[in-house]
């Protein structure tokens, strides 16, 4: 049996959450920092790297989590944020609509 095609409406909503999360420069910077720091950092380490207050940092991390761009691992009181690189793959698919591939002259 062939796998079902993903729900188009659900896919669009997921892409909207990702684009909305990436709209803020601080969230893009958090993702880049995670990427170049091995893909995982504690909440405290992330907060130390940015000049934002803890509530602001927490809000940014929540938006990234809701978009599926980071996941959270809890160990006791500490939270570690993990970059979910595969979630960014949909951006390549979306951007491909604007490439030259497949266009006829």
C-alpha atoms as a PDB file:
ATOM      1  CA  UNK A   1       0.000   0.000   0.000  1.00  0.00           C
ATOM      2  CA  UNK A   2       1.394   3.420  -1.010  1.00  0.00           C
ATOM      3  CA  UNK A   3       1.806   6.033   1.709  1.00  0.00           C
ATOM      4  CA  UNK A   4      -0.804   8.760   1.779  1.00  0.00           C
ATOM      5  CA  UNK A   5       0.113  12.177   0.434  1.00  0.00           C
ATOM      6  CA  UNK A   6       0.534  14.728   3.208  1.00  0.00           C
ATOM      7  CA  UNK A   7      -2.478  16.900   3.992  1.00  0.00           C
ATOM      8  CA  UNK A   8      -1.944  20.033   1.842  1.00  0.00           C
ATOM      9  CA  UNK A   9      -3.661  22.341   4.333  1.00  0.00           C
ATOM     10  CA  UNK A  10      -1.592  20.947   7.212  1.00  0.00           C
ATOM     11  CA  UNK A  11       1.572  21.321   5.170  1.00  0.00           C
ATOM     12  CA  UNK A  12       0.765  24.960   4.363  1.00  0.00           C
ATOM     13  CA  UNK A  13       0.035  25.695   8.023  1.00  0.00           C
ATOM     14  CA  UNK A  14       3.347  24.105   9.036  1.00  0.00           C
ATOM     15  CA  UNK A  15       5.196  26.177   6.423  1.00  0.00           C
ATOM     16  CA  UNK A  16       3.445  29.324   7.661  1.00  0.00           C
ATOM     17  CA  UNK A  17       4.616  28.606  11.229  1.00  0.00           C
ATOM     18  CA  UNK A  18       8.177  28.085   9.998  1.00  0.00           C
ATOM     19  CA  UNK A  19       8.221  31.295   7.946  1.00  0.00           C
ATOM     20  CA  UNK A  20       6.687  33.243  10.853  1.00  0.00           C
ATOM     21  CA  UNK A  21       9.327  31.846  13.213  1.00  0.00           C
ATOM     22  CA  UNK A  22      12.103  32.824  10.804  1.00  0.00           C
ATOM     23  CA  UNK A  23      10.725  36.352  10.362  1.00  0.00           C
ATOM     24  CA  UNK A  24      12.451  37.617  13.513  1.00  0.00           C
ATOM     25  CA  UNK A  25      16.241  38.126  13.364  1.00  0.00           C
ATOM     26  CA  UNK A  26      16.753  36.923  16.953  1.00  0.00           C
ATOM     27  CA  UNK A  27      15.145  33.574  16.163  1.00  0.00           C
ATOM     28  CA  UNK A  28      17.273  33.180  13.036  1.00  0.00           C
ATOM     29  CA  UNK A  29      20.334  33.942  15.160  1.00  0.00           C
ATOM     30  CA  UNK A  30      19.293  31.343  17.749  1.00  0.00           C
ATOM     31  CA  UNK A  31      19.003  28.726  14.995  1.00  0.00           C
ATOM     32  CA  UNK A  32      22.416  29.651  13.568  1.00  0.00           C
ATOM     33  CA  UNK A  33      23.971  29.534  17.017  1.00  0.00           C
ATOM     34  CA  UNK A  34      22.476  26.103  17.648  1.00  0.00           C
ATOM     35  CA  UNK A  35      23.716  24.906  14.265  1.00  0.00           C
ATOM     36  CA  UNK A  36      27.304  26.001  14.851  1.00  0.00           C
ATOM     37  CA  UNK A  37      27.363  24.884  18.497  1.00  0.00           C
ATOM     38  CA  UNK A  38      26.660  21.242  17.720  1.00  0.00           C
ATOM     39  CA  UNK A  39      22.879  21.426  17.381  1.00  0.00           C
ATOM     40  CA  UNK A  40      22.057  21.491  21.085  1.00  0.00           C
ATOM     41  CA  UNK A  41      22.359  24.017  23.883  1.00  0.00           C
ATOM     42  CA  UNK A  42      20.805  24.548  27.271  1.00  0.00           C
ATOM     43  CA  UNK A  43      18.315  27.358  27.708  1.00  0.00           C
ATOM     44  CA  UNK A  44      20.831  29.158  29.924  1.00  0.00           C
ATOM     45  CA  UNK A  45      23.565  28.935  27.290  1.00  0.00           C
ATOM     46  CA  UNK A  46      21.222  30.367  24.671  1.00  0.00           C
ATOM     47  CA  UNK A  47      20.109  33.195  26.961  1.00  0.00           C
ATOM     48  CA  UNK A  48      23.743  34.104  27.751  1.00  0.00           C
ATOM     49  CA  UNK A  49      24.525  34.561  24.053  1.00  0.00           C
ATOM     50  CA  UNK A  50      21.791  37.110  23.450  1.00  0.00           C
ATOM     51  CA  UNK A  51      21.155  40.511  24.953  1.00  0.00           C
ATOM     52  CA  UNK A  52      17.477  39.789  25.540  1.00  0.00           C
ATOM     53  CA  UNK A  53      15.738  39.379  28.863  1.00  0.00           C
ATOM     54  CA  UNK A  54      14.880  35.822  29.885  1.00  0.00           C
ATOM     55  CA  UNK A  55      11.136  36.236  29.113  1.00  0.00           C
ATOM     56  CA  UNK A  56      11.983  37.479  25.606  1.00  0.00           C
ATOM     57  CA  UNK A  57      14.413  34.608  25.014  1.00  0.00           C
ATOM     58  CA  UNK A  58      11.850  32.148  26.352  1.00  0.00           C
ATOM     59  CA  UNK A  59       9.195  33.562  24.024  1.00  0.00           C
ATOM     60  CA  UNK A  60      11.531  33.219  21.006  1.00  0.00           C
ATOM     61  CA  UNK A  61      12.339  29.628  21.972  1.00  0.00           C
ATOM     62  CA  UNK A  62       8.620  28.901  22.308  1.00  0.00           C
ATOM     63  CA  UNK A  63       7.932  30.179  18.785  1.00  0.00           C
ATOM     64  CA  UNK A  64      10.776  28.037  17.419  1.00  0.00           C
ATOM     65  CA  UNK A  65       9.453  25.016  19.324  1.00  0.00           C
ATOM     66  CA  UNK A  66       5.878  25.576  18.091  1.00  0.00           C
ATOM     67  CA  UNK A  67       7.189  25.715  14.512  1.00  0.00           C
ATOM     68  CA  UNK A  68       9.022  22.427  15.081  1.00  0.00           C
ATOM     69  CA  UNK A  69      12.415  24.015  14.431  1.00  0.00           C
ATOM     70  CA  UNK A  70      13.704  23.025  17.862  1.00  0.00           C
ATOM     71  CA  UNK A  71      12.721  20.324  20.297  1.00  0.00           C
ATOM     72  CA  UNK A  72      13.233  20.320  24.048  1.00  0.00           C
ATOM     73  CA  UNK A  73      14.895  17.654  26.154  1.00  0.00           C
ATOM     74  CA  UNK A  74      14.405  17.958  29.893  1.00  0.00           C
ATOM     75  CA  UNK A  75      16.841  16.657  32.464  1.00  0.00           C
ATOM     76  CA  UNK A  76      15.699  17.657  35.911  1.00  0.00           C
ATOM     77  CA  UNK A  77      15.299  21.424  35.913  1.00  0.00           C
ATOM     78  CA  UNK A  78      17.474  21.991  32.863  1.00  0.00           C
ATOM     79  CA  UNK A  79      16.088  22.211  29.354  1.00  0.00           C
ATOM     80  CA  UNK A  80      18.223  21.518  26.328  1.00  0.00           C
ATOM     81  CA  UNK A  81      17.087  22.856  22.978  1.00  0.00           C
ATOM     82  CA  UNK A  82      17.875  20.679  19.965  1.00  0.00           C
ATOM     83  CA  UNK A  83      17.914  21.979  16.408  1.00  0.00           C
ATOM     84  CA  UNK A  84      15.538  20.070  14.109  1.00  0.00           C
ATOM     85  CA  UNK A  85      17.357  20.615  10.817  1.00  0.00           C
ATOM     86  CA  UNK A  86      15.042  18.362   8.821  1.00  0.00           C
ATOM     87  CA  UNK A  87      12.150  20.795   9.450  1.00  0.00           C
ATOM     88  CA  UNK A  88      14.000  23.405   7.413  1.00  0.00           C
ATOM     89  CA  UNK A  89      13.923  21.138   4.349  1.00  0.00           C
ATOM     90  CA  UNK A  90      10.453  22.407   3.419  1.00  0.00           C
ATOM     91  CA  UNK A  91      12.024  25.794   2.715  1.00  0.00           C
ATOM     92  CA  UNK A  92      14.048  24.302  -0.118  1.00  0.00           C
ATOM     93  CA  UNK A  93      10.918  22.737  -1.568  1.00  0.00           C
ATOM     94  CA  UNK A  94       9.064  26.035  -1.334  1.00  0.00           C
ATOM     95  CA  UNK A  95      11.941  28.035  -2.832  1.00  0.00           C
ATOM     96  CA  UNK A  96      12.206  25.537  -5.699  1.00  0.00           C
ATOM     97  CA  UNK A  97       8.966  27.016  -7.072  1.00  0.00           C
ATOM     98  CA  UNK A  98      10.985  30.104  -7.961  1.00  0.00           C
ATOM     99  CA  UNK A  99      13.923  28.343  -9.602  1.00  0.00           C
ATOM    100  CA  UNK A 100      14.554  27.993 -13.300  1.00  0.00           C
ATOM    101  CA  UNK A 101      14.227  24.196 -13.291  1.00  0.00           C
ATOM    102  CA  UNK A 102      11.296  23.012 -15.312  1.00  0.00           C
ATOM    103  CA  UNK A 103      10.589  26.321 -17.000  1.00  0.00           C
ATOM    104  CA  UNK A 104      10.315  26.211 -20.740  1.00  0.00           C
ATOM    105  CA  UNK A 105      11.617  28.998 -22.909  1.00  0.00           C
END
